[in-house]
Amino acid sequence: MKTLYLPLKKEWYEMIESGRKTEEYREIKPYWASRLFFCFGMPCIDGNFPQLACSYCEIFALRRFGAVRFSYGYTKRAMTFECKGITIGKGNPAWGAPENEDVFIIKLGERL
């Protein structure tokens, strides 16, 4: 089972810990695309991700993560959740998503 490791700020960490926030967001940028997608079995590093179109292969596959491990900043305090999938769409601004922008949405399941 692959695990995605994500440090969080206090506000978002505590919302997830309490169960009020059930998804985490990341901007659609080359850095996050390279961590979340594969091109021909390799991390995609094209850089054309605002359009989400790779000029090398035009074939994307999301990496499959079984779990997401959140840390409270860069401390040892951490928690792990089942990863229910990663999609692209508009997130909840009250949970940290930018207004009227698509983001990567990391859906959380049960706490492990």
PDB file of N, CA and C in Angstrom:
ATOM      1  N   MET A   1       0.839  -1.169   0.000  1.00  0.00           N
ATOM      2  CA  MET A   1       0.000   0.000   0.000  1.00  0.00           C
ATOM      3  C   MET A   1       0.892   1.243   0.000  1.00  0.00           C
ATOM      4  N   LYS A   2       0.771   2.072  -1.027  1.00  0.00           N
ATOM      5  CA  LYS A   2       1.533   3.320  -1.086  1.00  0.00           C
ATOM      6  C   LYS A   2       0.857   4.373  -0.210  1.00  0.00           C
ATOM      7  N   THR A   3       1.682   5.183   0.413  1.00  0.00           N
ATOM      8  CA  THR A   3       1.180   6.238   1.279  1.00  0.00           C
ATOM      9  C   THR A   3       1.628   7.596   0.749  1.00  0.00           C
ATOM     10  N   LEU A   4       0.696   8.526   0.694  1.00  0.00           N
ATOM     11  CA  LEU A   4       0.975   9.902   0.310  1.00  0.00           C
ATOM     12  C   LEU A   4       1.204  10.693   1.598  1.00  0.00           C
ATOM     13  N   TYR A   5       2.339  11.359   1.703  1.00  0.00           N
ATOM     14  CA  TYR A   5       2.692  12.120   2.899  1.00  0.00           C
ATOM     15  C   TYR A   5       2.463  13.603   2.649  1.00  0.00           C
ATOM     16  N   LEU A   6       1.670  14.235   3.525  1.00  0.00           N
ATOM     17  CA  LEU A   6       1.344  15.648   3.362  1.00  0.00           C
ATOM     18  C   LEU A   6       1.447  16.394   4.691  1.00  0.00           C
ATOM     19  N   PRO A   7       2.301  17.410   4.782  1.00  0.00           N
ATOM     20  CA  PRO A   7       2.300  18.265   5.975  1.00  0.00           C
ATOM     21  C   PRO A   7       1.153  19.270   5.866  1.00  0.00           C
ATOM     22  N   LEU A   8       0.534  19.584   6.999  1.00  0.00           N
ATOM     23  CA  LEU A   8      -0.586  20.523   7.018  1.00  0.00           C
ATOM     24  C   LEU A   8      -0.369  21.629   8.034  1.00  0.00           C
ATOM     25  N   LYS A   9      -1.011  22.765   7.785  1.00  0.00           N
ATOM     26  CA  LYS A   9      -1.043  23.837   8.766  1.00  0.00           C
ATOM     27  C   LYS A   9      -2.030  23.452   9.872  1.00  0.00           C
ATOM     28  N   LYS A  10      -1.893  24.096  11.011  1.00  0.00           N
ATOM     29  CA  LYS A  10      -2.689  23.784  12.201  1.00  0.00           C
ATOM     30  C   LYS A  10      -4.194  23.711  11.919  1.00  0.00           C
ATOM     31  N   GLU A  11      -4.726  24.735  11.268  1.00  0.00           N
ATOM     32  CA  GLU A  11      -6.174  24.812  11.022  1.00  0.00           C
ATOM     33  C   GLU A  11      -6.699  23.589  10.282  1.00  0.00           C
ATOM     34  N   TRP A  12      -6.028  23.207   9.191  1.00  0.00           N
ATOM     35  CA  TRP A  12      -6.509  22.087   8.376  1.00  0.00           C
ATOM     36  C   TRP A  12      -6.265  20.756   9.079  1.00  0.00           C
ATOM     37  N   TYR A  13      -5.149  20.626   9.766  1.00  0.00           N
ATOM     38  CA  TYR A  13      -4.856  19.403  10.505  1.00  0.00           C
ATOM     39  C   TYR A  13      -5.939  19.140  11.551  1.00  0.00           C
ATOM     40  N   GLU A  14      -6.282  20.167  12.312  1.00  0.00           N
ATOM     41  CA  GLU A  14      -7.274  19.999  13.374  1.00  0.00           C
ATOM     42  C   GLU A  14      -8.672  19.741  12.826  1.00  0.00           C
ATOM     43  N   MET A  15      -9.019  20.314  11.682  1.00  0.00           N
ATOM     44  CA  MET A  15     -10.321  20.035  11.066  1.00  0.00           C
ATOM     45  C   MET A  15     -10.416  18.583  10.600  1.00  0.00           C
ATOM     46  N   ILE A  16      -9.331  18.069  10.019  1.00  0.00           N
ATOM     47  CA  ILE A  16      -9.330  16.669   9.586  1.00  0.00           C
ATOM     48  C   ILE A  16      -9.344  15.751  10.798  1.00  0.00           C
ATOM     49  N   GLU A  17      -8.550  16.086  11.797  1.00  0.00           N
ATOM     50  CA  GLU A  17      -8.471  15.267  13.018  1.00  0.00           C
ATOM     51  C   GLU A  17      -9.841  15.156  13.694  1.00  0.00           C
ATOM     52  N   SER A  18     -10.613  16.242  13.694  1.00  0.00           N
ATOM     53  CA  SER A  18     -11.930  16.231  14.336  1.00  0.00           C
ATOM     54  C   SER A  18     -13.001  15.578  13.471  1.00  0.00           C
ATOM     55  N   GLY A  19     -12.715  15.339  12.199  1.00  0.00           N
ATOM     56  CA  GLY A  19     -13.676  14.712  11.303  1.00  0.00           C
ATOM     57  C   GLY A  19     -14.542  15.703  10.536  1.00  0.00           C
ATOM     58  N   ARG A  20     -14.330  17.005  10.715  1.00  0.00           N
ATOM     59  CA  ARG A  20     -15.129  18.015  10.012  1.00  0.00           C
ATOM     60  C   ARG A  20     -14.722  18.161   8.550  1.00  0.00           C
ATOM     61  N   LYS A  21     -13.479  17.890   8.231  1.00  0.00           N
ATOM     62  CA  LYS A  21     -12.968  18.038   6.861  1.00  0.00           C
ATOM     63  C   LYS A  21     -12.673  16.645   6.316  1.00  0.00           C
ATOM     64  N   THR A  22     -13.308  16.282   5.198  1.00  0.00           N
ATOM     65  CA  THR A  22     -13.180  14.922   4.660  1.00  0.00           C
ATOM     66  C   THR A  22     -12.401  14.854   3.349  1.00  0.00           C
ATOM     67  N   GLU A  23     -11.812  15.962   2.941  1.00  0.00           N
ATOM     68  CA  GLU A  23     -10.973  15.972   1.739  1.00  0.00           C
ATOM     69  C   GLU A  23      -9.909  17.053   1.875  1.00  0.00           C
ATOM     70  N   GLU A  24      -8.808  16.829   1.199  1.00  0.00           N
ATOM     71  CA  GLU A  24      -7.691  17.784   1.219  1.00  0.00           C
ATOM     72  C   GLU A  24      -7.447  18.229  -0.212  1.00  0.00           C
ATOM     73  N   TYR A  25      -6.970  19.459  -0.381  1.00  0.00           N
ATOM     74  CA  TYR A  25      -6.804  20.050  -1.707  1.00  0.00           C
ATOM     75  C   TYR A  25      -5.349  20.391  -1.980  1.00  0.00           C
ATOM     76  N   ARG A  26      -4.985  20.282  -3.244  1.00  0.00           N
ATOM     77  CA  ARG A  26      -3.683  20.732  -3.714  1.00  0.00           C
ATOM     78  C   ARG A  26      -3.893  21.420  -5.049  1.00  0.00           C
ATOM     79  N   GLU A  27      -3.151  22.518  -5.273  1.00  0.00           N
ATOM     80  CA  GLU A  27      -3.262  23.275  -6.518  1.00  0.00           C
ATOM     81  C   GLU A  27      -2.836  22.426  -7.710  1.00  0.00           C
ATOM     82  N   ILE A  28      -3.398  22.743  -8.854  1.00  0.00           N
ATOM     83  CA  ILE A  28      -2.987  22.065 -10.082  1.00  0.00           C
ATOM     84  C   ILE A  28      -1.750  22.790 -10.596  1.00  0.00           C
ATOM     85  N   LYS A  29      -0.626  22.295 -10.200  1.00  0.00           N
ATOM     86  CA  LYS A  29       0.692  22.845 -10.560  1.00  0.00           C
ATOM     87  C   LYS A  29       1.591  21.675 -10.945  1.00  0.00           C
ATOM     88  N   PRO A  30       2.660  21.912 -11.692  1.00  0.00           N
ATOM     89  CA  PRO A  30       3.551  20.815 -12.091  1.00  0.00           C
ATOM     90  C   PRO A  30       4.071  19.993 -10.912  1.00  0.00           C
ATOM     91  N   TYR A  31       4.370  20.625  -9.785  1.00  0.00           N
ATOM     92  CA  TYR A  31       4.892  19.880  -8.632  1.00  0.00           C
ATOM     93  C   TYR A  31       3.895  18.820  -8.167  1.00  0.00           C
ATOM     94  N   TRP A  32       2.627  19.220  -7.984  1.00  0.00           N
ATOM     95  CA  TRP A  32       1.635  18.260  -7.505  1.00  0.00           C
ATOM     96  C   TRP A  32       1.263  17.258  -8.585  1.00  0.00           C
ATOM     97  N   ALA A  33       1.242  17.683  -9.830  1.00  0.00           N
ATOM     98  CA  ALA A  33       0.960  16.743 -10.913  1.00  0.00           C
ATOM     99  C   ALA A  33       2.019  15.659 -10.968  1.00  0.00           C
ATOM    100  N   SER A  34       3.286  16.015 -10.749  1.00  0.00           N
ATOM    101  CA  SER A  34       4.353  15.009 -10.794  1.00  0.00           C
ATOM    102  C   SER A  34       4.250  14.042  -9.618  1.00  0.00           C
ATOM    103  N   ARG A  35       3.669  14.469  -8.504  1.00  0.00           N
ATOM    104  CA  ARG A  35       3.510  13.585  -7.351  1.00  0.00           C
ATOM    105  C   ARG A  35       2.272  12.717  -7.456  1.00  0.00           C
ATOM    106  N   LEU A  36       1.268  13.162  -8.205  1.00  0.00           N
ATOM    107  CA  LEU A  36      -0.010  12.458  -8.234  1.00  0.00           C
ATOM    108  C   LEU A  36      -0.282  11.695  -9.527  1.00  0.00           C
ATOM    109  N   PHE A  37       0.463  11.992 -10.621  1.00  0.00           N
ATOM    110  CA  PHE A  37       0.228  11.352 -11.913  1.00  0.00           C
ATOM    111  C   PHE A  37       1.449  10.578 -12.385  1.00  0.00           C
ATOM    112  N   PHE A  38       1.198   9.639 -13.304  1.00  0.00           N
ATOM    113  CA  PHE A  38       2.247   8.921 -14.019  1.00  0.00           C
ATOM    114  C   PHE A  38       2.062   9.132 -15.514  1.00  0.00           C
ATOM    115  N   CYS A  39       3.146   9.201 -16.260  1.00  0.00           N
ATOM    116  CA  CYS A  39       3.144   9.157 -17.721  1.00  0.00           C
ATOM    117  C   CYS A  39       4.000   7.949 -18.110  1.00  0.00           C
ATOM    118  N   PHE A  40       3.447   7.013 -18.788  1.00  0.00           N
ATOM    119  CA  PHE A  40       4.176   5.818 -19.207  1.00  0.00           C
ATOM    120  C   PHE A  40       4.933   5.184 -18.037  1.00  0.00           C
ATOM    121  N   GLY A  41       4.307   5.156 -16.880  1.00  0.00           N
ATOM    122  CA  GLY A  41       4.914   4.513 -15.724  1.00  0.00           C
ATOM    123  C   GLY A  41       5.938   5.355 -14.992  1.00  0.00           C
ATOM    124  N   MET A  42       6.171   6.578 -15.428  1.00  0.00           N
ATOM    125  CA  MET A  42       7.133   7.472 -14.780  1.00  0.00           C
ATOM    126  C   MET A  42       6.382   8.717 -14.316  1.00  0.00           C
ATOM    127  N   PRO A  43       6.867   9.411 -13.280  1.00  0.00           N
ATOM    128  CA  PRO A  43       6.208  10.660 -12.899  1.00  0.00           C
ATOM    129  C   PRO A  43       6.228  11.641 -14.067  1.00  0.00           C
ATOM    130  N   CYS A  44       5.103  12.270 -14.335  1.00  0.00           N
ATOM    131  CA  CYS A  44       5.015  13.211 -15.456  1.00  0.00           C
ATOM    132  C   CYS A  44       5.616  14.543 -15.039  1.00  0.00           C
ATOM    133  N   ILE A  45       6.575  15.021 -15.809  1.00  0.00           N
ATOM    134  CA  ILE A  45       7.257  16.278 -15.471  1.00  0.00           C
ATOM    135  C   ILE A  45       7.162  17.287 -16.603  1.00  0.00           C
ATOM    136  N   ASP A  46       6.139  17.157 -17.434  1.00  0.00           N
ATOM    137  CA  ASP A  46       5.989  18.011 -18.607  1.00  0.00           C
ATOM    138  C   ASP A  46       5.924  19.492 -18.250  1.00  0.00           C
ATOM    139  N   GLY A  47       5.061  19.879 -17.339  1.00  0.00           N
ATOM    140  CA  GLY A  47       4.934  21.277 -16.970  1.00  0.00           C
ATOM    141  C   GLY A  47       3.755  21.975 -17.618  1.00  0.00           C
ATOM    142  N   ASN A  48       3.005  21.290 -18.481  1.00  0.00           N
ATOM    143  CA  ASN A  48       1.829  21.883 -19.127  1.00  0.00           C
ATOM    144  C   ASN A  48       0.551  21.616 -18.341  1.00  0.00           C
ATOM    145  N   PHE A  49       0.652  21.542 -17.035  1.00  0.00           N
ATOM    146  CA  PHE A  49      -0.492  21.087 -16.265  1.00  0.00           C
ATOM    147  C   PHE A  49      -1.614  22.073 -16.046  1.00  0.00           C
ATOM    148  N   PRO A  50      -1.470  23.371 -16.276  1.00  0.00           N
ATOM    149  CA  PRO A  50      -2.693  24.166 -16.201  1.00  0.00           C
ATOM    150  C   PRO A  50      -3.749  23.666 -17.189  1.00  0.00           C
ATOM    151  N   GLN A  51      -3.317  23.105 -18.307  1.00  0.00           N
ATOM    152  CA  GLN A  51      -4.246  22.527 -19.273  1.00  0.00           C
ATOM    153  C   GLN A  51      -4.433  21.025 -19.045  1.00  0.00           C
ATOM    154  N   LEU A  52      -3.654  20.432 -18.170  1.00  0.00           N
ATOM    155  CA  LEU A  52      -3.670  18.990 -17.925  1.00  0.00           C
ATOM    156  C   LEU A  52      -3.515  18.198 -19.212  1.00  0.00           C
ATOM    157  N   ALA A  53      -2.552  18.576 -20.043  1.00  0.00           N
ATOM    158  CA  ALA A  53      -2.270  17.859 -21.275  1.00  0.00           C
ATOM    159  C   ALA A  53      -0.770  17.676 -21.400  1.00  0.00           C
ATOM    160  N   CYS A  54      -0.319  16.455 -21.401  1.00  0.00           N
ATOM    161  CA  CYS A  54       1.109  16.160 -21.502  1.00  0.00           C
ATOM    162  C   CYS A  54       1.519  16.130 -22.975  1.00  0.00           C
ATOM    163  N   SER A  55       2.517  16.907 -23.345  1.00  0.00           N
ATOM    164  CA  SER A  55       2.944  16.957 -24.746  1.00  0.00           C
ATOM    165  C   SER A  55       3.722  15.710 -25.147  1.00  0.00           C
ATOM    166  N   TYR A  56       4.152  14.895 -24.171  1.00  0.00           N
ATOM    167  CA  TYR A  56       4.915  13.691 -24.493  1.00  0.00           C
ATOM    168  C   TYR A  56       4.021  12.499 -24.801  1.00  0.00           C
ATOM    169  N   CYS A  57       2.990  12.295 -23.997  1.00  0.00           N
ATOM    170  CA  CYS A  57       2.241  11.052 -24.193  1.00  0.00           C
ATOM    171  C   CYS A  57       0.725  11.222 -24.208  1.00  0.00           C
ATOM    172  N   GLU A  58       0.209  12.312 -23.670  1.00  0.00           N
ATOM    173  CA  GLU A  58      -1.222  12.565 -23.610  1.00  0.00           C
ATOM    174  C   GLU A  58      -1.997  11.453 -22.905  1.00  0.00           C
ATOM    175  N   ILE A  59      -1.320  10.633 -22.122  1.00  0.00           N
ATOM    176  CA  ILE A  59      -1.970   9.570 -21.359  1.00  0.00           C
ATOM    177  C   ILE A  59      -1.609   9.778 -19.897  1.00  0.00           C
ATOM    178  N   PHE A  60      -2.616   9.915 -19.058  1.00  0.00           N
ATOM    179  CA  PHE A  60      -2.369  10.118 -17.645  1.00  0.00           C
ATOM    180  C   PHE A  60      -2.966   8.979 -16.841  1.00  0.00           C
ATOM    181  N   ALA A  61      -2.319   8.653 -15.784  1.00  0.00           N
ATOM    182  CA  ALA A  61      -2.861   7.688 -14.833  1.00  0.00           C
ATOM    183  C   ALA A  61      -2.543   8.206 -13.442  1.00  0.00           C
ATOM    184  N   LEU A  62      -3.545   8.272 -12.618  1.00  0.00           N
ATOM    185  CA  LEU A  62      -3.302   8.682 -11.242  1.00  0.00           C
ATOM    186  C   LEU A  62      -2.541   7.589 -10.517  1.00  0.00           C
ATOM    187  N   ARG A  63      -1.620   7.992  -9.687  1.00  0.00           N
ATOM    188  CA  ARG A  63      -0.970   7.009  -8.826  1.00  0.00           C
ATOM    189  C   ARG A  63      -2.016   6.492  -7.859  1.00  0.00           C
ATOM    190  N   ARG A  64      -1.890   5.257  -7.461  1.00  0.00           N
ATOM    191  CA  ARG A  64      -2.838   4.671  -6.514  1.00  0.00           C
ATOM    192  C   ARG A  64      -2.223   4.712  -5.124  1.00  0.00           C
ATOM    193  N   PHE A  65      -2.845   5.497  -4.267  1.00  0.00           N
ATOM    194  CA  PHE A  65      -2.412   5.580  -2.886  1.00  0.00           C
ATOM    195  C   PHE A  65      -3.440   4.872  -2.026  1.00  0.00           C
ATOM    196  N   GLY A  66      -2.976   4.026  -1.126  1.00  0.00           N
ATOM    197  CA  GLY A  66      -3.880   3.339  -0.203  1.00  0.00           C
ATOM    198  C   GLY A  66      -4.157   4.171   1.022  1.00  0.00           C
ATOM    199  N   ALA A  67      -3.251   5.095   1.319  1.00  0.00           N
ATOM    200  CA  ALA A  67      -3.393   5.894   2.535  1.00  0.00           C
ATOM    201  C   ALA A  67      -2.788   7.278   2.332  1.00  0.00           C
ATOM    202  N   VAL A  68      -3.246   8.196   3.173  1.00  0.00           N
ATOM    203  CA  VAL A  68      -2.690   9.550   3.219  1.00  0.00           C
ATOM    204  C   VAL A  68      -2.258   9.790   4.657  1.00  0.00           C
ATOM    205  N   ARG A  69      -0.992  10.162   4.840  1.00  0.00           N
ATOM    206  CA  ARG A  69      -0.472  10.447   6.177  1.00  0.00           C
ATOM    207  C   ARG A  69      -0.244  11.940   6.305  1.00  0.00           C
ATOM    208  N   PHE A  70      -0.982  12.552   7.216  1.00  0.00           N
ATOM    209  CA  PHE A  70      -0.878  13.978   7.461  1.00  0.00           C
ATOM    210  C   PHE A  70       0.003  14.214   8.674  1.00  0.00           C
ATOM    211  N   SER A  71       0.885  15.186   8.557  1.00  0.00           N
ATOM    212  CA  SER A  71       1.679  15.585   9.723  1.00  0.00           C
ATOM    213  C   SER A  71       1.324  17.026  10.068  1.00  0.00           C
ATOM    214  N   TYR A  72       1.440  17.319  11.338  1.00  0.00           N
ATOM    215  CA  TYR A  72       1.178  18.662  11.854  1.00  0.00           C
ATOM    216  C   TYR A  72       2.421  19.485  11.567  1.00  0.00           C
ATOM    217  N   GLY A  73       2.401  20.181  10.442  1.00  0.00           N
ATOM    218  CA  GLY A  73       3.606  20.873   9.986  1.00  0.00           C
ATOM    219  C   GLY A  73       4.694  19.847   9.719  1.00  0.00           C
ATOM    220  N   TYR A  74       5.872  20.093  10.264  1.00  0.00           N
ATOM    221  CA  TYR A  74       6.975  19.140  10.108  1.00  0.00           C
ATOM    222  C   TYR A  74       7.357  18.553  11.459  1.00  0.00           C
ATOM    223  N   THR A  75       6.327  18.305  12.297  1.00  0.00           N
ATOM    224  CA  THR A  75       6.548  17.704  13.609  1.00  0.00           C
ATOM    225  C   THR A  75       6.304  16.202  13.523  1.00  0.00           C
ATOM    226  N   LYS A  76       6.444  15.508  14.648  1.00  0.00           N
ATOM    227  CA  LYS A  76       6.184  14.073  14.694  1.00  0.00           C
ATOM    228  C   LYS A  76       4.705  13.754  14.846  1.00  0.00           C
ATOM    229  N   ARG A  77       3.903  14.751  15.188  1.00  0.00           N
ATOM    230  CA  ARG A  77       2.456  14.550  15.344  1.00  0.00           C
ATOM    231  C   ARG A  77       1.855  14.237  13.972  1.00  0.00           C
ATOM    232  N   ALA A  78       1.200  13.083  13.852  1.00  0.00           N
ATOM    233  CA  ALA A  78       0.695  12.653  12.550  1.00  0.00           C
ATOM    234  C   ALA A  78      -0.531  11.766  12.701  1.00  0.00           C
ATOM    235  N   MET A  79      -1.265  11.619  11.619  1.00  0.00           N
ATOM    236  CA  MET A  79      -2.419  10.732  11.547  1.00  0.00           C
ATOM    237  C   MET A  79      -2.517  10.188  10.122  1.00  0.00           C
ATOM    238  N   THR A  80      -3.095   9.012   9.986  1.00  0.00           N
ATOM    239  CA  THR A  80      -3.187   8.352   8.687  1.00  0.00           C
ATOM    240  C   THR A  80      -4.640   8.027   8.377  1.00  0.00           C
ATOM    241  N   PHE A  81      -5.034   8.285   7.136  1.00  0.00           N
ATOM    242  CA  PHE A  81      -6.385   8.001   6.670  1.00  0.00           C
ATOM    243  C   PHE A  81      -6.338   7.154   5.415  1.00  0.00           C
ATOM    244  N   GLU A  82      -7.384   6.385   5.190  1.00  0.00           N
ATOM    245  CA  GLU A  82      -7.561   5.655   3.946  1.00  0.00           C
ATOM    246  C   GLU A  82      -7.756   6.680   2.830  1.00  0.00           C
ATOM    247  N   CYS A  83      -7.143   6.451   1.667  1.00  0.00           N
ATOM    248  CA  CYS A  83      -7.309   7.329   0.511  1.00  0.00           C
ATOM    249  C   CYS A  83      -8.414   6.742  -0.366  1.00  0.00           C
ATOM    250  N   LYS A  84      -9.509   7.468  -0.499  1.00  0.00           N
ATOM    251  CA  LYS A  84     -10.653   7.013  -1.286  1.00  0.00           C
ATOM    252  C   LYS A  84     -10.556   7.419  -2.752  1.00  0.00           C
ATOM    253  N   GLY A  85      -9.508   8.145  -3.109  1.00  0.00           N
ATOM    254  CA  GLY A  85      -9.323   8.531  -4.497  1.00  0.00           C
ATOM    255  C   GLY A  85      -8.907   9.980  -4.633  1.00  0.00           C
ATOM    256  N   ILE A  86      -8.436  10.307  -5.819  1.00  0.00           N
ATOM    257  CA  ILE A  86      -8.014  11.666  -6.133  1.00  0.00           C
ATOM    258  C   ILE A  86      -8.733  12.083  -7.408  1.00  0.00           C
ATOM    259  N   THR A  87      -9.385  13.233  -7.349  1.00  0.00           N
ATOM    260  CA  THR A  87     -10.105  13.742  -8.510  1.00  0.00           C
ATOM    261  C   THR A  87      -9.685  15.191  -8.754  1.00  0.00           C
ATOM    262  N   ILE A  88     -10.227  15.762  -9.815  1.00  0.00           N
ATOM    263  CA  ILE A  88      -9.998  17.168 -10.125  1.00  0.00           C
ATOM    264  C   ILE A  88     -11.353  17.853 -10.147  1.00  0.00           C
ATOM    265  N   GLY A  89     -11.449  18.983  -9.470  1.00  0.00           N
ATOM    266  CA  GLY A  89     -12.714  19.707  -9.441  1.00  0.00           C
ATOM    267  C   GLY A  89     -12.625  20.922  -8.539  1.00  0.00           C
ATOM    268  N   LYS A  90     -13.767  21.494  -8.246  1.00  0.00           N
ATOM    269  CA  LYS A  90     -13.849  22.650  -7.357  1.00  0.00           C
ATOM    270  C   LYS A  90     -14.018  22.146  -5.928  1.00  0.00           C
ATOM    271  N   GLY A  91     -13.224  22.689  -5.025  1.00  0.00           N
ATOM    272  CA  GLY A  91     -13.300  22.281  -3.631  1.00  0.00           C
ATOM    273  C   GLY A  91     -14.120  23.247  -2.803  1.00  0.00           C
ATOM    274  N   ASN A  92     -14.224  22.952  -1.528  1.00  0.00           N
ATOM    275  CA  ASN A  92     -14.966  23.765  -0.577  1.00  0.00           C
ATOM    276  C   ASN A  92     -14.065  24.886  -0.058  1.00  0.00           C
ATOM    277  N   PRO A  93     -14.380  26.149  -0.345  1.00  0.00           N
ATOM    278  CA  PRO A  93     -13.529  27.251   0.127  1.00  0.00           C
ATOM    279  C   PRO A  93     -13.389  27.305   1.649  1.00  0.00           C
ATOM    280  N   ALA A  94     -14.404  26.856   2.369  1.00  0.00           N
ATOM    281  CA  ALA A  94     -14.325  26.838   3.834  1.00  0.00           C
ATOM    282  C   ALA A  94     -13.279  25.829   4.320  1.00  0.00           C
ATOM    283  N   TRP A  95     -12.898  24.912   3.461  1.00  0.00           N
ATOM    284  CA  TRP A  95     -11.901  23.892   3.807  1.00  0.00           C
ATOM    285  C   TRP A  95     -10.542  24.183   3.166  1.00  0.00           C
ATOM    286  N   GLY A  96     -10.365  25.378   2.600  1.00  0.00           N
ATOM    287  CA  GLY A  96      -9.066  25.776   2.079  1.00  0.00           C
ATOM    288  C   GLY A  96      -8.903  25.762   0.583  1.00  0.00           C
ATOM    289  N   ALA A  97      -9.939  25.423  -0.164  1.00  0.00           N
ATOM    290  CA  ALA A  97      -9.839  25.420  -1.624  1.00  0.00           C
ATOM    291  C   ALA A  97      -9.972  26.846  -2.150  1.00  0.00           C
ATOM    292  N   PRO A  98      -9.231  27.213  -3.204  1.00  0.00           N
ATOM    293  CA  PRO A  98      -9.382  28.548  -3.779  1.00  0.00           C
ATOM    294  C   PRO A  98     -10.753  28.699  -4.456  1.00  0.00           C
ATOM    295  N   GLU A  99     -11.268  29.917  -4.423  1.00  0.00           N
ATOM    296  CA  GLU A  99     -12.565  30.204  -5.062  1.00  0.00           C
ATOM    297  C   GLU A  99     -12.477  30.037  -6.576  1.00  0.00           C
ATOM    298  N   ASN A 100     -13.442  29.365  -7.160  1.00  0.00           N
ATOM    299  CA  ASN A 100     -13.610  29.250  -8.617  1.00  0.00           C
ATOM    300  C   ASN A 100     -12.377  28.725  -9.343  1.00  0.00           C
ATOM    301  N   GLU A 101     -11.620  27.835  -8.727  1.00  0.00           N
ATOM    302  CA  GLU A 101     -10.471  27.203  -9.389  1.00  0.00           C
ATOM    303  C   GLU A 101     -10.550  25.709  -9.194  1.00  0.00           C
ATOM    304  N   ASP A 102     -10.164  24.968 -10.230  1.00  0.00           N
ATOM    305  CA  ASP A 102     -10.060  23.522 -10.092  1.00  0.00           C
ATOM    306  C   ASP A 102      -8.815  23.189  -9.278  1.00  0.00           C
ATOM    307  N   VAL A 103      -8.922  22.135  -8.485  1.00  0.00           N
ATOM    308  CA  VAL A 103      -7.812  21.658  -7.657  1.00  0.00           C
ATOM    309  C   VAL A 103      -7.803  20.134  -7.684  1.00  0.00           C
ATOM    310  N   PHE A 104      -6.706  19.550  -7.242  1.00  0.00           N
ATOM    311  CA  PHE A 104      -6.692  18.113  -6.978  1.00  0.00           C
ATOM    312  C   PHE A 104      -7.430  17.910  -5.660  1.00  0.00           C
ATOM    313  N   ILE A 105      -8.397  17.010  -5.640  1.00  0.00           N
ATOM    314  CA  ILE A 105      -9.169  16.719  -4.437  1.00  0.00           C
ATOM    315  C   ILE A 105      -8.786  15.324  -3.963  1.00  0.00           C
ATOM    316  N   ILE A 106      -8.209  15.246  -2.772  1.00  0.00           N
ATOM    317  CA  ILE A 106      -7.810  13.980  -2.174  1.00  0.00           C
ATOM    318  C   ILE A 106      -8.903  13.593  -1.188  1.00  0.00           C
ATOM    319  N   LYS A 107      -9.672  12.568  -1.519  1.00  0.00           N
ATOM    320  CA  LYS A 107     -10.810  12.153  -0.707  1.00  0.00           C
ATOM    321  C   LYS A 107     -10.358  11.181   0.382  1.00  0.00           C
ATOM    322  N   LEU A 108     -10.810  11.452   1.597  1.00  0.00           N
ATOM    323  CA  LEU A 108     -10.380  10.665   2.744  1.00  0.00           C
ATOM    324  C   LEU A 108     -11.460   9.689   3.185  1.00  0.00           C
ATOM    325  N   GLY A 109     -11.001   8.513   3.622  1.00  0.00           N
ATOM    326  CA  GLY A 109     -11.896   7.512   4.170  1.00  0.00           C
ATOM    327  C   GLY A 109     -11.738   7.416   5.675  1.00  0.00           C
ATOM    328  N   GLU A 110     -11.718   6.204   6.175  1.00  0.00           N
ATOM    329  CA  GLU A 110     -11.597   5.957   7.613  1.00  0.00           C
ATOM    330  C   GLU A 110     -10.195   6.265   8.100  1.00  0.00           C
ATOM    331  N   ARG A 111     -10.124   6.676   9.357  1.00  0.00           N
ATOM    332  CA  ARG A 111      -8.821   6.887   9.994  1.00  0.00           C
ATOM    333  C   ARG A 111      -8.224   5.525  10.299  1.00  0.00           C
ATOM    334  N   LEU A 112      -6.956   5.359   9.952  1.00  0.00           N
ATOM    335  CA  LEU A 112      -6.275   4.073  10.183  1.00  0.00           C
ATOM    336  C   LEU A 112      -5.454   4.114  11.443  1.00  0.00           C
TER     337      LEU A 112
END
